[in-house]
Amino acid sequence: MSPGQFFARASLSNLQEDLAFLDRNGFLPEVYLPATALDDLDNDRLDPLVRIRESGRPVSLHAPFMDLSPAGLDPRVLEVTRYRFTQVKQIGEIVDPCHVVFHPGYDSWRFGWQKELWLEKSIGIWSEMIEWGIRNGVRIVLENVFDPEPDHLLMLHERLSGAFGFCFDTGHFLLFSQISLEEWLFVLGDSLAELHLHDNRGDRDSHLPVGEGIFDFQSLFAHVSQEDLSPLIVLEHHTREDTIRSLGNMEELLKGSGHDLGPSR
């Protein structure tokens, strides 16, 4: 298995160094856009991403999420969220990414288990983002975070006629899911557009290398292979050392298993 099939994390805050590391090791970039790096952004800093796209290689973006709420009950919070998402769109129109990943913002404790409230409050902002994505050839992708199960995400997906994809995050699943991996994958179906691969031991979101925690990667890889899915695959780690170790662990897990994840797209 070639690392060229995989994406790995970069940050807009450290773009040049992160891209150099990814390029040396054959990875494609998924670039996180922290809010702190957006307000003083000089568009010239995006030139390395533009050059990657001009070479025919894909780039993915990960939208900011800290303190944001796409279903904000406080209109000022929603205003800030829309502002940050507008900045993401402006970057997207320069970079031309294949995907932009967002956190959906549902937290059963904050929303009092009122999935319909979250749905009604957030559908406007997601409709806007999806319309922008369609116009610009960018797939909008929503990631599981604090979600105990995917029912509310499916409700949103159905309301928006399946116009966005899902990103399944393995570490978040371990920490917050109340249902099985098989149930999640059944609901996500062929709208599974992206995988964020990292591991933990069920205690915190430690972003360990694949196979160094308790997530069942063999079952996930078997599902992707058997269903003939081609999600964009991202090794999402906080250090370069963990990214390299994770790739090696993945190759060992897949060796002799008969599972072929196929090229990411």
Protein backbone atom coordinates (compact mmCIF):
# COMPACT_ATOMS: atom_id res chain seq x y z
CA MET A 1 0.00 0.00 0.00
CA SER A 2 1.38 3.37 -1.02
CA PRO A 3 1.24 6.42 1.30
CA GLY A 4 0.31 8.39 -1.82
CA GLN A 5 -3.18 7.04 -1.41
CA PHE A 6 -3.59 8.84 1.92
CA PHE A 7 -4.08 12.33 3.20
CA ALA A 8 -2.60 13.60 6.45
CA ARG A 9 -3.14 16.64 8.61
CA ALA A 10 -1.55 20.02 7.99
CA SER A 11 -2.37 23.35 9.60
CA LEU A 12 -2.70 26.77 8.04
CA SER A 13 -0.72 28.07 11.02
CA ASN A 14 2.34 26.03 10.01
CA LEU A 15 1.60 25.47 6.35
CA GLN A 16 5.03 25.55 4.70
CA GLU A 17 6.66 23.14 7.15
CA ASP A 18 3.67 20.80 7.26
CA LEU A 19 3.38 20.61 3.48
CA ALA A 20 7.10 19.93 3.16
CA PHE A 21 6.77 16.99 5.58
CA LEU A 22 3.73 15.59 3.75
CA ASP A 23 5.41 15.95 0.37
CA ARG A 24 8.59 14.20 1.55
CA ASN A 25 6.51 11.27 2.74
CA GLY A 26 4.08 11.07 -0.16
CA PHE A 27 0.94 12.26 1.62
CA LEU A 28 -1.75 14.60 0.33
CA PRO A 29 -2.86 17.45 2.61
CA GLU A 30 -6.01 18.02 4.60
CA VAL A 31 -5.41 21.54 5.92
CA TYR A 32 -6.99 22.63 9.18
CA LEU A 33 -8.01 26.29 9.21
CA PRO A 34 -7.79 27.53 12.82
CA ALA A 35 -9.63 30.77 13.47
CA THR A 36 -6.44 32.36 14.80
CA ALA A 37 -4.84 32.01 11.38
CA LEU A 38 -7.79 33.39 9.41
CA ASP A 39 -7.99 37.00 10.53
CA ASP A 40 -4.47 37.96 9.44
CA LEU A 41 -4.34 35.72 6.37
CA ASP A 42 -2.43 36.99 3.37
CA ASN A 43 -3.73 35.12 0.33
CA ASP A 44 -0.15 34.67 -0.88
CA ARG A 45 0.23 32.13 1.93
CA LEU A 46 -2.20 29.91 0.06
CA ASP A 47 0.07 29.72 -3.00
CA PRO A 48 1.56 26.33 -2.04
CA LEU A 49 -1.95 24.83 -1.98
CA VAL A 50 -2.78 26.42 -5.32
CA ARG A 51 0.36 24.87 -6.79
CA ILE A 52 -0.63 21.44 -5.49
CA ARG A 53 -4.01 21.79 -7.19
CA GLU A 54 -2.40 23.05 -10.40
CA SER A 55 -0.25 19.90 -10.43
CA GLY A 56 -3.43 17.82 -10.53
CA ARG A 57 -3.30 16.63 -6.92
CA PRO A 58 -6.28 17.09 -4.55
CA VAL A 59 -6.38 19.16 -1.38
CA SER A 60 -8.94 18.89 1.43
CA LEU A 61 -9.77 21.61 3.98
CA HIS A 62 -10.98 21.26 7.57
CA ALA A 63 -13.07 24.21 8.77
CA PRO A 64 -12.57 25.86 12.19
CA PHE A 65 -14.80 24.58 14.96
CA MET A 66 -13.61 25.84 18.35
CA ASP A 67 -16.37 27.89 20.08
CA LEU A 68 -18.54 27.75 16.95
CA SER A 69 -22.12 26.48 16.75
CA PRO A 70 -23.84 26.05 13.36
CA ALA A 71 -27.10 25.64 15.29
CA GLY A 72 -26.33 28.47 17.70
CA LEU A 73 -29.22 29.39 19.96
CA ASP A 74 -27.53 32.71 20.67
CA PRO A 75 -27.77 34.77 17.46
CA ARG A 76 -24.36 36.36 18.14
CA VAL A 77 -22.74 32.92 18.28
CA LEU A 78 -24.43 32.03 15.00
CA GLU A 79 -23.19 35.31 13.53
CA VAL A 80 -19.57 34.45 14.39
CA THR A 81 -20.03 30.94 13.01
CA ARG A 82 -21.32 32.31 9.69
CA TYR A 83 -18.40 34.73 9.57
CA ARG A 84 -15.85 31.95 10.01
CA PHE A 85 -17.61 29.80 7.43
CA THR A 86 -17.56 32.73 5.00
CA GLN A 87 -13.79 32.91 5.47
CA VAL A 88 -13.60 29.19 4.67
CA LYS A 89 -15.55 29.77 1.46
CA GLN A 90 -13.18 32.57 0.45
CA ILE A 91 -10.20 30.26 0.93
CA GLY A 92 -12.01 27.48 -0.91
CA GLU A 93 -12.55 29.69 -3.94
CA ILE A 94 -8.79 30.22 -4.13
CA VAL A 95 -7.64 26.68 -3.32
CA ASP A 96 -10.37 24.64 -5.06
CA PRO A 97 -10.45 21.76 -2.53
CA CYS A 98 -12.14 18.43 -3.15
CA HIS A 99 -13.68 18.40 0.35
CA VAL A 100 -14.36 20.82 3.18
CA VAL A 101 -14.94 19.05 6.50
CA PHE A 102 -17.13 20.63 9.19
CA HIS A 103 -18.14 19.67 12.70
CA PRO A 104 -21.94 19.56 12.84
CA GLY A 105 -22.10 20.95 16.38
CA TYR A 106 -24.64 18.60 17.91
CA ASP A 107 -24.14 17.86 21.59
CA SER A 108 -27.03 16.05 23.27
CA TRP A 109 -26.30 17.72 26.63
CA ARG A 110 -26.25 21.26 25.23
CA PHE A 111 -29.35 20.69 23.09
CA GLY A 112 -31.21 18.73 25.75
CA TRP A 113 -31.54 15.69 23.46
CA GLN A 114 -33.72 17.83 21.16
CA LYS A 115 -32.48 16.64 17.79
CA GLU A 116 -35.26 18.49 15.97
CA LEU A 117 -34.18 21.77 17.60
CA TRP A 118 -30.61 21.27 16.39
CA LEU A 119 -31.92 20.35 12.94
CA GLU A 120 -34.15 23.40 12.56
CA LYS A 121 -31.52 25.78 13.90
CA SER A 122 -28.71 24.45 11.71
CA ILE A 123 -30.40 23.63 8.42
CA GLY A 124 -30.07 27.21 7.14
CA ILE A 125 -26.30 27.39 7.46
CA TRP A 126 -25.80 23.92 5.98
CA SER A 127 -28.06 24.75 3.05
CA GLU A 128 -25.90 27.80 2.35
CA MET A 129 -22.67 25.83 2.55
CA ILE A 130 -23.99 23.05 0.31
CA GLU A 131 -25.21 25.53 -2.30
CA TRP A 132 -21.76 27.11 -2.28
CA GLY A 133 -20.14 23.68 -2.57
CA ILE A 134 -22.28 22.69 -5.55
CA ARG A 135 -21.47 25.95 -7.34
CA ASN A 136 -17.76 25.48 -6.77
CA GLY A 137 -17.43 21.71 -7.19
CA VAL A 138 -16.57 21.17 -3.51
CA ARG A 139 -18.06 18.37 -1.46
CA ILE A 140 -19.28 19.44 1.99
CA VAL A 141 -18.57 16.74 4.57
CA LEU A 142 -19.89 16.54 8.15
CA GLU A 143 -17.89 14.70 10.82
CA ASN A 144 -19.13 12.84 13.88
CA VAL A 145 -17.79 14.42 17.06
CA PHE A 146 -19.86 14.25 20.29
CA ASP A 147 -22.61 12.33 18.50
CA PRO A 148 -23.85 9.28 20.47
CA GLU A 149 -25.53 7.91 17.33
CA PRO A 150 -26.11 9.18 13.78
CA ASP A 151 -29.89 9.56 13.67
CA HIS A 152 -29.85 13.37 13.68
CA LEU A 153 -27.18 13.43 10.97
CA LEU A 154 -29.37 11.14 8.87
CA MET A 155 -32.33 13.47 9.44
CA LEU A 156 -30.28 16.40 8.14
CA HIS A 157 -29.01 14.32 5.23
CA GLU A 158 -32.57 13.44 4.21
CA ARG A 159 -33.80 17.03 4.58
CA LEU A 160 -31.01 18.18 2.27
CA SER A 161 -31.60 15.39 -0.27
CA GLY A 162 -28.28 13.69 0.43
CA ALA A 163 -26.32 16.68 -0.81
CA PHE A 164 -23.42 16.30 1.65
CA GLY A 165 -21.11 13.46 2.61
CA PHE A 166 -20.17 11.99 5.98
CA CYS A 167 -16.75 11.87 7.59
CA PHE A 168 -16.43 9.01 10.09
CA ASP A 169 -13.92 9.80 12.83
CA THR A 170 -12.70 6.66 14.57
CA GLY A 171 -11.43 8.34 17.73
CA HIS A 172 -14.63 10.31 18.30
CA PHE A 173 -16.65 7.13 17.78
CA LEU A 174 -14.71 5.40 20.57
CA LEU A 175 -15.29 8.21 23.03
CA PHE A 176 -18.89 9.21 22.38
CA SER A 177 -20.83 6.54 20.50
CA GLN A 178 -23.54 4.59 22.31
CA ILE A 179 -24.13 2.18 19.41
CA SER A 180 -21.95 -0.26 17.50
CA LEU A 181 -19.58 0.42 14.63
CA GLU A 182 -21.77 -1.72 12.37
CA GLU A 183 -24.83 0.42 13.13
CA TRP A 184 -22.93 3.62 12.33
CA LEU A 185 -21.61 2.28 9.04
CA PHE A 186 -25.05 1.01 8.03
CA VAL A 187 -26.58 4.47 8.53
CA LEU A 188 -23.75 6.31 6.75
CA GLY A 189 -24.03 3.91 3.80
CA ASP A 190 -22.52 4.99 0.51
CA SER A 191 -22.49 8.62 1.68
CA LEU A 192 -19.32 7.77 3.62
CA ALA A 193 -17.04 10.28 1.90
CA GLU A 194 -14.10 10.48 4.30
CA LEU A 195 -12.39 8.65 7.16
CA HIS A 196 -10.42 10.32 9.92
CA LEU A 197 -8.19 7.57 11.25
CA HIS A 198 -6.69 7.79 14.73
CA ASP A 199 -6.93 5.74 17.89
CA ASN A 200 -7.34 6.09 21.64
CA ARG A 201 -7.94 3.93 24.72
CA GLY A 202 -11.45 5.19 25.41
CA ASP A 203 -10.32 7.78 27.94
CA ARG A 204 -9.46 10.89 25.89
CA ASP A 205 -9.10 12.12 22.33
CA SER A 206 -5.39 11.32 22.21
CA HIS A 207 -5.09 10.81 18.40
CA LEU A 208 -2.84 7.78 18.81
CA PRO A 209 -1.46 6.03 15.72
CA VAL A 210 -3.77 3.49 14.11
CA GLY A 211 -3.71 0.21 16.04
CA GLU A 212 -2.27 1.61 19.28
CA GLY A 213 -5.62 1.97 21.03
CA ILE A 214 -8.82 -0.07 21.07
CA PHE A 215 -10.60 0.82 17.81
CA ASP A 216 -11.51 -2.15 15.56
CA PHE A 217 -9.80 -1.05 12.35
CA GLN A 218 -10.03 -4.52 10.79
CA SER A 219 -13.83 -4.34 10.79
CA LEU A 220 -13.78 -0.82 9.36
CA PHE A 221 -11.36 -1.76 6.58
CA ALA A 222 -13.39 -4.89 5.80
CA HIS A 223 -16.55 -2.80 5.46
CA VAL A 224 -14.92 -0.27 3.14
CA SER A 225 -13.49 -3.06 0.99
CA GLN A 226 -16.60 -5.23 0.89
CA GLU A 227 -18.91 -2.31 0.09
CA ASP A 228 -16.49 -1.08 -2.60
CA LEU A 229 -16.35 2.40 -1.04
CA SER A 230 -13.64 4.94 -1.87
CA PRO A 231 -13.63 7.46 0.98
CA LEU A 232 -10.88 10.02 1.27
CA ILE A 233 -8.60 8.56 3.98
CA VAL A 234 -6.92 10.96 6.41
CA LEU A 235 -4.35 9.99 9.04
CA GLU A 236 -5.24 12.60 11.64
CA HIS A 237 -2.46 12.93 14.19
CA HIS A 238 -0.90 15.74 16.16
CA THR A 239 2.74 14.87 15.49
CA ARG A 240 4.68 13.88 12.40
CA GLU A 241 6.15 10.89 14.20
CA ASP A 242 2.67 9.54 14.94
CA THR A 243 1.65 10.04 11.30
CA ILE A 244 4.56 7.94 10.05
CA ARG A 245 4.01 5.27 12.70
CA SER A 246 0.31 5.17 11.88
CA LEU A 247 1.02 4.50 8.21
CA GLY A 248 3.30 1.59 9.11
CA ASN A 249 0.69 0.17 11.48
CA MET A 250 -1.98 0.42 8.77
CA GLU A 251 0.18 -1.47 6.31
CA GLU A 252 0.69 -4.22 8.89
CA LEU A 253 -3.04 -4.43 9.63
CA LEU A 254 -3.89 -4.69 5.95
CA LYS A 255 -1.10 -7.12 5.05
CA GLY A 256 -2.60 -10.48 4.22
CA SER A 257 -6.10 -9.39 5.24
CA GLY A 258 -7.39 -9.27 1.66
CA HIS A 259 -8.87 -5.82 2.28
CA ASP A 260 -8.14 -3.22 -0.36
CA LEU A 261 -9.06 0.32 0.62
CA GLY A 262 -8.38 1.48 -2.91
CA PRO A 263 -7.17 4.96 -3.86
CA SER A 264 -8.71 7.90 -2.04
CA ARG A 265 -10.51 10.41 -4.21
